[in-house]
Amino acid sequence: MTSKFRRFGQYDVILLHDGVFEPSIDVLIHADGSVARQRVIEAWGKPTLRVDVNCFALRGADGIILVDAGTGTSWGPNYGHARSALREAGITPEQVQHILITHLHGDHALGLLDGDTPYFPHADVFVPDRDLAFFTDPAAREATPEARRGGFKVAEQLQRVYGSRVRRIGEGPVLAGIEARPLPGHTPGHTGYLVRGEDNHLLIWGDALHLGDLQPGDPKIGLIFDLDAEMALRTRQAVLEDAAREGWIIAGGHITGFGRVRRASEGYQIAPV
């Protein structure tokens, strides 16, 4: 396991581990079809996948920022550990001023809620405009398979509980030293956040990749949780190439620790840093 703490520019960035998701291997898909999918499954050799669930705290001179908020109490006792990680870092919910949401899935946004009250009582919540527009559209809800509709409930709860403190954002600068970068596919408005430093930049890429052991080497591997699998693949390929070319350090909602993307003989690899 790599260190959970890094400094980028004006921020101390703390990885908050919320839990581990272990879905069946059946959730895996491959852009080249069933034969390619089966090869990956046989090579993996286990009936389940192991996927970290993370969010991040950024501590700067002007206060505390979160990128995503974990699951809170909504997914049971095996999750929600980001809250205790915050306490261990000496951060109280009242100190959090801004929360940047990568997308409106439960493992990233339900930690904002404490029943029908805000868990972070003084925070403004920044949500990608395209995600909020999609997950509040009744027609989009009807067109989405029922098993993939969780984001619509999350959007309703978030707006009801946080009200005017929900702020829509687009591409570009969001807060000092932090830029929103659209990474669509997993959801329509899925967004990463680039934290600029003097020597190293950090890209927190949300769910652009779920499987750090598999997808860098073969970006055509996906999961059924991507609402638009073809766009998610294009985004995955592009963000891996961007990170390798630019030399960014990367972290994500489901990638273990901090890493750096390197080109490999086949695809890419993520080297821990």
Protein backbone atom coordinates (compact mmCIF):
# COMPACT_ATOMS: atom_id res chain seq x y z
CA MET A 1 0.00 0.00 0.00
CA THR A 2 1.35 3.43 -0.91
CA SER A 3 1.15 6.40 1.43
CA LYS A 4 -2.25 8.01 1.79
CA PHE A 5 -0.84 11.55 2.00
CA ARG A 6 0.72 13.82 -0.62
CA ARG A 7 1.40 17.54 -1.05
CA PHE A 8 0.36 19.25 -4.29
CA GLY A 9 0.79 22.99 -4.56
CA GLN A 10 -1.13 24.64 -1.74
CA TYR A 11 -2.88 21.46 -0.61
CA ASP A 12 -2.14 18.49 1.58
CA VAL A 13 -4.11 15.71 -0.12
CA ILE A 14 -5.31 12.87 2.11
CA LEU A 15 -6.74 9.66 0.66
CA LEU A 16 -9.78 8.57 2.69
CA HIS A 17 -10.45 4.85 2.30
CA ASP A 18 -14.19 4.20 2.60
CA GLY A 19 -14.32 0.42 2.07
CA VAL A 20 -13.85 -2.37 -0.46
CA PHE A 21 -16.42 -3.39 -3.07
CA GLU A 22 -16.20 -7.04 -4.16
CA PRO A 23 -18.56 -7.60 -7.09
CA SER A 24 -18.90 -10.82 -9.04
CA ILE A 25 -16.64 -11.18 -12.06
CA ASP A 26 -19.91 -11.19 -14.03
CA VAL A 27 -19.89 -7.37 -14.00
CA LEU A 28 -16.87 -7.34 -16.32
CA ILE A 29 -17.35 -6.50 -20.00
CA HIS A 30 -14.97 -6.20 -22.95
CA ALA A 31 -15.30 -3.99 -26.03
CA ASP A 32 -14.08 -6.83 -28.29
CA GLY A 33 -16.88 -9.16 -27.24
CA SER A 34 -17.48 -12.38 -25.37
CA VAL A 35 -14.34 -14.25 -26.42
CA ALA A 36 -12.06 -11.45 -25.25
CA ARG A 37 -14.11 -11.12 -22.07
CA GLN A 38 -13.75 -14.81 -21.31
CA ARG A 39 -9.97 -14.66 -21.80
CA VAL A 40 -9.75 -11.89 -19.21
CA ILE A 41 -11.97 -13.80 -16.76
CA GLU A 42 -9.90 -16.98 -17.13
CA ALA A 43 -6.65 -15.08 -16.70
CA TRP A 44 -8.02 -13.36 -13.57
CA GLY A 45 -8.92 -16.74 -12.13
CA LYS A 46 -11.12 -15.53 -9.26
CA PRO A 47 -14.91 -15.32 -8.94
CA THR A 48 -14.89 -11.74 -7.67
CA LEU A 49 -13.16 -8.44 -8.25
CA ARG A 50 -11.72 -6.28 -5.49
CA VAL A 51 -12.37 -2.56 -5.86
CA ASP A 52 -11.28 0.09 -3.37
CA VAL A 53 -13.77 2.84 -2.54
CA ASN A 54 -12.01 6.14 -1.87
CA CYS A 55 -12.57 9.83 -1.47
CA PHE A 56 -10.13 12.65 -0.71
CA ALA A 57 -9.59 15.56 1.66
CA LEU A 58 -7.58 18.59 0.60
CA ARG A 59 -6.29 20.75 3.42
CA GLY A 60 -5.17 24.23 2.45
CA ALA A 61 -4.57 27.59 4.06
CA ASP A 62 -8.16 28.60 3.31
CA GLY A 63 -9.80 25.49 4.76
CA ILE A 64 -10.91 21.96 3.91
CA ILE A 65 -12.10 20.66 0.54
CA LEU A 66 -13.36 17.15 -0.15
CA VAL A 67 -13.39 15.36 -3.49
CA ASP A 68 -16.36 12.99 -3.12
CA ALA A 69 -17.73 11.88 0.23
CA GLY A 70 -17.94 8.08 0.31
CA THR A 71 -21.03 6.08 1.20
CA GLY A 72 -21.76 7.32 4.70
CA THR A 73 -24.01 4.83 6.47
CA SER A 74 -25.96 3.86 3.34
CA TRP A 75 -24.01 0.75 2.28
CA GLY A 76 -23.70 -0.98 5.63
CA PRO A 77 -20.85 -1.58 8.10
CA ASN A 78 -18.25 -2.62 5.52
CA TYR A 79 -18.28 0.91 4.13
CA GLY A 80 -18.43 4.46 5.45
CA HIS A 81 -14.90 4.40 6.89
CA ALA A 82 -14.03 7.72 5.23
CA ARG A 83 -15.76 9.44 8.14
CA SER A 84 -13.47 7.88 10.72
CA ALA A 85 -10.49 8.59 8.44
CA LEU A 86 -11.50 12.26 8.46
CA ARG A 87 -11.62 12.24 12.26
CA GLU A 88 -8.19 10.60 12.40
CA ALA A 89 -6.91 13.41 10.19
CA GLY A 90 -8.24 15.91 12.72
CA ILE A 91 -11.03 17.16 10.45
CA THR A 92 -14.59 17.63 11.67
CA PRO A 93 -17.64 17.80 9.36
CA GLU A 94 -18.14 21.42 10.39
CA GLN A 95 -14.70 22.36 9.02
CA VAL A 96 -15.41 21.17 5.48
CA GLN A 97 -16.15 24.18 3.28
CA HIS A 98 -16.34 22.80 -0.25
CA ILE A 99 -17.10 19.35 -1.67
CA LEU A 100 -16.29 18.52 -5.30
CA ILE A 101 -18.37 15.62 -6.61
CA THR A 102 -17.01 13.55 -9.50
CA HIS A 103 -20.44 12.08 -10.28
CA LEU A 104 -23.73 11.27 -8.62
CA HIS A 105 -23.30 7.62 -7.69
CA GLY A 106 -23.94 6.45 -4.15
CA ASP A 107 -20.38 5.47 -3.29
CA HIS A 108 -19.29 9.03 -4.07
CA ALA A 109 -22.18 11.15 -2.83
CA LEU A 110 -24.27 9.39 -0.19
CA GLY A 111 -21.68 10.31 2.45
CA LEU A 112 -22.96 13.86 2.11
CA LEU A 113 -26.13 12.84 3.91
CA ASP A 114 -26.99 12.24 7.55
CA GLY A 115 -30.54 11.05 7.10
CA ASP A 116 -32.44 14.13 5.98
CA THR A 117 -29.80 16.57 7.18
CA PRO A 118 -26.41 17.52 5.71
CA TYR A 119 -23.48 15.64 7.23
CA PHE A 120 -21.28 18.62 6.31
CA PRO A 121 -23.41 21.48 7.62
CA HIS A 122 -21.33 24.39 6.28
CA ALA A 123 -20.21 22.98 2.92
CA ASP A 124 -21.13 24.03 -0.58
CA VAL A 125 -21.42 21.02 -2.89
CA PHE A 126 -20.05 21.40 -6.44
CA VAL A 127 -21.69 19.01 -8.91
CA PRO A 128 -20.90 18.65 -12.63
CA ASP A 129 -23.70 20.38 -14.50
CA ARG A 130 -24.19 17.56 -17.04
CA ASP A 131 -24.53 14.97 -14.28
CA LEU A 132 -27.10 16.97 -12.36
CA ALA A 133 -29.03 17.72 -15.55
CA PHE A 134 -29.12 14.03 -16.48
CA PHE A 135 -30.00 12.69 -13.06
CA THR A 136 -32.87 15.16 -12.63
CA ASP A 137 -34.41 14.46 -16.07
CA PRO A 138 -37.55 12.26 -15.85
CA ALA A 139 -37.13 11.12 -19.46
CA ALA A 140 -33.54 10.04 -18.79
CA ARG A 141 -34.72 8.13 -15.75
CA GLU A 142 -37.29 6.20 -17.78
CA ALA A 143 -34.70 5.39 -20.44
CA THR A 144 -32.18 4.08 -17.89
CA PRO A 145 -32.34 0.41 -16.81
CA GLU A 146 -33.84 0.17 -13.33
CA ALA A 147 -30.67 -1.34 -11.86
CA ARG A 148 -28.71 1.75 -12.98
CA ARG A 149 -31.10 4.39 -11.58
CA GLY A 150 -29.42 5.01 -8.23
CA GLY A 151 -28.03 8.36 -9.34
CA PHE A 152 -31.53 9.77 -9.80
CA LYS A 153 -32.35 9.14 -6.15
CA VAL A 154 -28.99 10.55 -5.08
CA ALA A 155 -29.64 13.75 -7.05
CA GLU A 156 -33.09 14.16 -5.48
CA GLN A 157 -31.75 13.64 -1.96
CA LEU A 158 -28.80 15.96 -2.51
CA GLN A 159 -30.93 18.83 -3.76
CA ARG A 160 -33.50 18.37 -1.03
CA VAL A 161 -30.95 18.27 1.78
CA TYR A 162 -28.40 20.84 0.58
CA GLY A 163 -30.74 23.13 -1.37
CA SER A 164 -29.10 26.32 -2.58
CA ARG A 165 -25.68 25.05 -1.47
CA VAL A 166 -25.62 22.70 -4.46
CA ARG A 167 -23.61 24.52 -7.11
CA ARG A 168 -23.40 23.43 -10.76
CA ILE A 169 -19.97 23.51 -12.39
CA GLY A 170 -18.60 23.07 -15.87
CA GLU A 171 -15.13 22.55 -17.28
CA GLY A 172 -12.23 24.67 -16.04
CA PRO A 173 -11.09 26.33 -12.80
CA VAL A 174 -13.30 25.55 -9.81
CA LEU A 175 -11.31 26.56 -6.74
CA ALA A 176 -7.80 27.92 -6.28
CA GLY A 177 -5.38 25.53 -7.99
CA ILE A 178 -8.11 23.02 -8.93
CA GLU A 179 -9.59 22.46 -12.41
CA ALA A 180 -12.59 20.33 -13.43
CA ARG A 181 -11.87 18.05 -16.39
CA PRO A 182 -14.83 16.26 -18.05
CA LEU A 183 -14.37 12.48 -18.24
CA PRO A 184 -17.75 11.33 -19.59
CA GLY A 185 -18.98 7.80 -20.08
CA HIS A 186 -19.28 6.32 -16.62
CA THR A 187 -22.00 8.94 -16.24
CA PRO A 188 -22.79 11.78 -18.67
CA GLY A 189 -21.14 14.42 -16.51
CA HIS A 190 -18.46 12.32 -14.87
CA THR A 191 -15.60 14.68 -13.98
CA GLY A 192 -12.03 14.51 -12.71
CA TYR A 193 -10.21 17.20 -10.77
CA LEU A 194 -6.68 18.33 -11.58
CA VAL A 195 -4.87 19.70 -8.53
CA ARG A 196 -1.95 21.79 -9.70
CA GLY A 197 1.37 21.71 -7.86
CA GLU A 198 4.77 23.23 -8.45
CA ASP A 199 6.54 20.05 -9.55
CA ASN A 200 3.71 17.52 -9.76
CA HIS A 201 0.04 17.76 -10.65
CA LEU A 202 -2.52 15.32 -9.27
CA LEU A 203 -5.44 14.10 -11.33
CA ILE A 204 -8.23 12.64 -9.20
CA TRP A 205 -10.02 10.80 -11.98
CA GLY A 206 -13.07 9.45 -10.17
CA ASP A 207 -14.28 6.29 -11.91
CA ALA A 208 -12.43 6.70 -15.21
CA LEU A 209 -10.87 3.36 -14.22
CA HIS A 210 -12.16 0.85 -11.67
CA LEU A 211 -9.56 -1.92 -11.98
CA GLY A 212 -5.98 -0.81 -11.54
CA ASP A 213 -4.67 -4.33 -12.12
CA LEU A 214 -6.52 -4.90 -15.40
CA GLN A 215 -7.70 -1.80 -17.24
CA PRO A 216 -4.39 0.05 -17.77
CA GLY A 217 -2.99 -2.94 -19.68
CA ASP A 218 -6.25 -3.41 -21.58
CA PRO A 219 -8.44 -0.28 -21.54
CA LYS A 220 -11.11 -2.20 -23.49
CA ILE A 221 -12.04 -3.92 -20.22
CA GLY A 222 -15.02 -2.22 -18.64
CA LEU A 223 -17.72 -2.78 -16.06
CA ILE A 224 -21.49 -2.81 -16.47
CA PHE A 225 -21.67 0.26 -14.21
CA ASP A 226 -20.58 2.55 -17.08
CA LEU A 227 -23.78 4.12 -18.45
CA ASP A 228 -22.17 4.63 -21.87
CA ALA A 229 -19.58 1.88 -22.30
CA GLU A 230 -18.25 3.14 -25.65
CA MET A 231 -17.72 6.68 -24.38
CA ALA A 232 -16.22 5.37 -21.14
CA LEU A 233 -13.69 3.41 -23.20
CA ARG A 234 -12.73 6.48 -25.23
CA THR A 235 -12.35 8.48 -22.03
CA ARG A 236 -10.31 5.73 -20.38
CA GLN A 237 -7.89 5.57 -23.31
CA ALA A 238 -7.59 9.35 -23.47
CA VAL A 239 -7.02 9.92 -19.76
CA LEU A 240 -4.39 7.18 -19.57
CA GLU A 241 -2.53 8.75 -22.48
CA ASP A 242 -2.89 12.26 -21.05
CA ALA A 243 -1.60 11.16 -17.65
CA ALA A 244 1.35 9.31 -19.20
CA ARG A 245 2.25 12.20 -21.49
CA GLU A 246 1.90 14.92 -18.86
CA GLY A 247 3.53 12.95 -16.05
CA TRP A 248 0.62 13.55 -13.68
CA ILE A 249 0.26 11.61 -10.47
CA ILE A 250 -3.14 9.97 -10.42
CA ALA A 251 -5.60 8.76 -7.82
CA GLY A 252 -9.22 7.74 -8.05
CA GLY A 253 -12.36 6.50 -6.45
CA HIS A 254 -11.32 2.89 -7.03
CA ILE A 255 -7.55 2.91 -7.53
CA THR A 256 -5.29 1.91 -4.64
CA GLY A 257 -3.13 4.78 -3.40
CA PHE A 258 -1.34 7.26 -5.64
CA GLY A 259 0.37 6.28 -8.87
CA ARG A 260 1.93 7.41 -12.11
CA VAL A 261 0.82 6.11 -15.51
CA ARG A 262 3.54 4.67 -17.74
CA ARG A 263 3.26 3.41 -21.30
CA ALA A 264 3.86 -0.34 -21.52
CA SER A 265 4.40 -2.85 -24.32
CA GLU A 266 0.66 -3.46 -24.16
CA GLY A 267 -1.36 -0.48 -23.08
CA TYR A 268 -0.23 1.21 -19.86
CA GLN A 269 0.66 0.41 -16.29
CA ILE A 270 0.24 2.32 -13.03
CA ALA A 271 3.39 2.52 -10.91
CA PRO A 272 2.84 3.33 -7.21
CA VAL A 273 4.49 6.53 -5.98
